[in-house]
């Protein structure tokens, strides 16, 4: 029974992994050349292979483990124009609102891809929250030692109510699908 449960979990996570890697950018591949298809297939196969090796070495899976593992590969998204366009569009909107002192909260800040776009603006006080500590390690490396940019390891689904500060801008980018109760989180925002 335990083995059957582990196999079910394994295949469920495998499908999620393929969906995360392929589906958001499948529309880009439709009009791509055969060499791009081959490259993308190779990236998926290598990622799935490493995932399988990790799965069998750990014997268990958790949501936290998955996001920390995904942090190792997350910035590969920066090679896709639609993702880069999304980051730029969000960053521009935030910068439009930061003519004066602006408190920015990013829920699910990941590896800091939006934060790095905002770092030169001295009017921004930024707080990035993420539950994956490996994502935050990468974000902190990108931003460096800046007093107006902070990162905290928080479960957005559970800890959001503990924030004691008001924010002028809240960024929730590429995150809602990962929340257990996104309606509650949006209500709190």
Protein backbone atom coordinates (compact mmCIF):
# COMPACT_ATOMS: atom_id res chain seq x y z
CA UNK A 1 0.00 0.00 0.00
CA UNK A 2 2.85 2.40 0.84
CA UNK A 3 4.62 1.59 -2.43
CA UNK A 4 1.41 2.17 -4.41
CA UNK A 5 0.93 5.53 -2.67
CA UNK A 6 4.54 6.56 -3.40
CA UNK A 7 4.18 5.61 -7.09
CA UNK A 8 0.93 7.61 -7.29
CA UNK A 9 2.65 10.62 -5.72
CA UNK A 10 5.62 10.17 -8.03
CA UNK A 11 3.51 10.19 -11.19
CA UNK A 12 1.39 13.09 -9.95
CA UNK A 13 4.50 15.20 -9.34
CA UNK A 14 5.88 14.08 -12.73
CA UNK A 15 2.78 15.38 -14.48
CA UNK A 16 3.00 18.64 -12.54
CA UNK A 17 6.66 18.97 -13.47
CA UNK A 18 5.98 18.46 -17.18
CA UNK A 19 3.10 20.95 -17.00
CA UNK A 20 5.30 23.55 -15.29
CA UNK A 21 8.08 23.08 -17.81
CA UNK A 22 6.10 22.73 -21.01
CA UNK A 23 2.56 24.05 -20.92
CA UNK A 24 3.23 27.74 -20.13
CA UNK A 25 5.57 27.97 -23.11
CA UNK A 26 4.00 25.44 -25.44
CA UNK A 27 2.53 28.23 -27.52
CA UNK A 28 6.07 29.50 -28.17
CA UNK A 29 7.11 26.08 -29.44
CA UNK A 30 4.22 25.83 -31.89
CA UNK A 31 5.89 28.34 -34.21
CA UNK A 32 9.47 27.30 -33.42
CA UNK A 33 11.96 25.46 -35.56
CA UNK A 34 12.73 21.76 -35.18
CA UNK A 35 16.03 22.55 -33.40
CA UNK A 36 14.17 24.54 -30.72
CA UNK A 37 11.80 21.59 -30.24
CA UNK A 38 14.76 19.27 -29.83
CA UNK A 39 16.44 21.60 -27.34
CA UNK A 40 13.24 21.94 -25.33
CA UNK A 41 12.72 18.16 -25.32
CA UNK A 42 16.30 17.74 -24.08
CA UNK A 43 15.75 20.26 -21.27
CA UNK A 44 12.57 18.44 -20.21
CA UNK A 45 14.25 15.03 -20.32
CA UNK A 46 17.27 16.18 -18.30
CA UNK A 47 15.02 17.87 -15.73
CA UNK A 48 12.76 14.82 -15.41
CA UNK A 49 15.78 12.52 -15.13
CA UNK A 50 17.24 14.61 -12.30
CA UNK A 51 13.82 14.70 -10.67
CA UNK A 52 13.58 10.88 -10.79
CA UNK A 53 17.04 10.51 -9.27
CA UNK A 54 16.11 12.89 -6.46
CA UNK A 55 12.79 11.14 -5.90
CA UNK A 56 14.33 7.72 -5.52
CA UNK A 57 17.11 9.02 -3.28
CA UNK A 58 14.63 10.83 -0.99
CA UNK A 59 11.80 8.25 -1.05
CA UNK A 60 9.30 10.97 -0.15
CA UNK A 61 8.06 14.22 -1.63
CA UNK A 62 6.72 17.43 -0.17
CA UNK A 63 5.58 20.72 -1.59
CA UNK A 64 8.50 22.51 0.08
CA UNK A 65 10.95 20.02 -1.36
CA UNK A 66 9.53 20.53 -4.86
CA UNK A 67 9.83 24.34 -4.81
CA UNK A 68 13.34 24.20 -3.37
CA UNK A 69 14.31 21.73 -6.08
CA UNK A 70 12.63 23.88 -8.76
CA UNK A 71 14.71 26.86 -7.58
CA UNK A 72 17.77 25.21 -9.12
CA UNK A 73 16.19 25.40 -12.58
CA UNK A 74 13.78 28.31 -12.21
CA UNK A 75 15.87 30.98 -13.91
CA UNK A 76 15.86 28.95 -17.13
CA UNK A 77 12.53 30.74 -17.67
CA UNK A 78 14.54 33.90 -18.36
CA UNK A 79 15.42 32.44 -21.77
CA UNK A 80 11.78 32.62 -22.89
CA UNK A 81 10.57 35.90 -24.30
CA UNK A 82 7.00 35.63 -22.91
CA UNK A 83 8.35 35.26 -19.37
CA UNK A 84 10.83 38.12 -19.84
CA UNK A 85 8.01 40.26 -21.23
CA UNK A 86 5.85 39.46 -18.21
CA UNK A 87 8.64 40.42 -15.78
CA UNK A 88 9.25 43.66 -17.68
CA UNK A 89 5.54 44.53 -17.80
CA UNK A 90 5.08 44.01 -14.06
CA UNK A 91 8.26 45.94 -13.27
CA UNK A 92 7.22 48.89 -15.43
CA UNK A 93 3.83 49.05 -13.69
CA UNK A 94 5.51 49.07 -10.27
CA UNK A 95 8.00 51.74 -11.34
CA UNK A 96 5.11 53.91 -12.60
CA UNK A 97 3.73 53.92 -9.05
CA UNK A 98 7.05 54.69 -7.35
CA UNK A 99 7.52 58.39 -7.96
CA UNK A 100 7.57 58.90 -4.17
CA UNK A 101 8.43 56.53 -1.35
CA UNK A 102 6.68 53.26 -2.24
CA UNK A 103 6.33 50.14 -0.11
CA UNK A 104 6.25 47.07 -2.35
CA UNK A 105 5.30 43.56 -1.27
CA UNK A 106 5.90 40.63 -3.59
CA UNK A 107 4.16 37.39 -2.68
CA UNK A 108 6.05 34.43 -4.07
CA UNK A 109 9.10 36.45 -5.09
CA UNK A 110 10.95 33.34 -6.27
CA UNK A 111 14.52 33.99 -7.33
CA UNK A 112 14.06 37.77 -7.44
CA UNK A 113 13.45 38.27 -11.15
CA UNK A 114 11.10 41.20 -10.56
CA UNK A 115 13.09 42.59 -7.62
CA UNK A 116 16.24 42.87 -9.72
CA UNK A 117 14.32 45.10 -12.16
CA UNK A 118 13.37 47.46 -9.31
CA UNK A 119 16.65 47.57 -7.42
CA UNK A 120 17.98 50.84 -8.88
CA UNK A 121 14.92 52.84 -7.77
CA UNK A 122 15.78 54.43 -4.41
CA UNK A 123 12.10 55.23 -3.70
CA UNK A 124 11.20 51.57 -3.31
CA UNK A 125 11.07 49.73 0.02
CA UNK A 126 10.69 46.10 -1.06
CA UNK A 127 9.71 42.98 0.86
CA UNK A 128 9.75 39.67 -0.99
CA UNK A 129 8.10 36.62 0.56
CA UNK A 130 8.56 33.03 -0.52
CA UNK A 131 8.20 29.67 1.20
CA UNK A 132 11.13 28.11 -0.68
CA UNK A 133 14.36 29.00 1.08
CA UNK A 134 16.43 28.02 -1.99
CA UNK A 135 14.50 30.56 -4.09
CA UNK A 136 15.30 33.24 -1.52
CA UNK A 137 19.00 32.37 -1.49
CA UNK A 138 19.13 33.05 -5.23
CA UNK A 139 17.12 36.26 -4.85
CA UNK A 140 19.44 37.59 -2.17
CA UNK A 141 22.48 36.82 -4.33
CA UNK A 142 20.95 38.78 -7.22
CA UNK A 143 20.03 41.82 -5.14
CA UNK A 144 23.07 41.96 -2.90
CA UNK A 145 23.23 43.96 0.31
CA UNK A 146 20.61 46.67 -0.08
CA UNK A 147 18.88 48.01 3.01
CA UNK A 148 15.68 48.85 1.14
CA UNK A 149 15.25 45.27 -0.20
CA UNK A 150 14.39 42.49 2.25
CA UNK A 151 13.37 38.87 1.80
CA UNK A 152 11.54 36.62 4.24
CA UNK A 153 10.80 32.93 4.26
CA UNK A 154 7.03 32.78 4.81
CA UNK A 155 4.22 30.48 3.85
CA UNK A 156 1.94 32.89 2.01
CA UNK A 157 -1.04 30.61 2.60
CA UNK A 158 -0.51 30.71 6.37
CA UNK A 159 1.61 33.67 7.48
CA UNK A 160 0.34 36.60 5.43
CA UNK A 161 -1.81 37.91 8.26
CA UNK A 162 1.27 38.48 10.42
CA UNK A 163 2.59 41.36 8.30
CA UNK A 164 2.56 44.58 10.32
CA UNK A 165 3.18 47.02 7.49
CA UNK A 166 1.00 48.62 4.84
CA UNK A 167 2.01 48.36 1.21
CA UNK A 168 1.38 50.66 -1.72
CA UNK A 169 1.92 47.93 -4.31
CA UNK A 170 1.46 44.17 -3.96
CA UNK A 171 2.85 41.88 -6.64
CA UNK A 172 1.34 38.42 -7.04
CA UNK A 173 2.97 37.20 -10.24
CA UNK A 174 2.95 33.58 -11.42
CA UNK A 175 1.88 32.45 -7.94
CA UNK A 176 -1.86 31.93 -7.60
CA UNK A 177 -1.81 28.41 -9.05
CA UNK A 178 0.53 27.33 -6.24
CA UNK A 179 -1.62 28.59 -3.37
CA UNK A 180 -3.98 26.30 -1.50
CA UNK A 181 -6.59 29.03 -0.95
CA UNK A 182 -5.88 31.83 -3.39
CA UNK A 183 -9.24 33.53 -2.75
CA UNK A 184 -8.37 33.98 0.93
CA UNK A 185 -4.91 35.34 0.07
CA UNK A 186 -6.38 37.79 -2.45
CA UNK A 187 -8.90 38.86 0.20
CA UNK A 188 -6.09 39.55 2.67
CA UNK A 189 -4.17 41.53 0.05
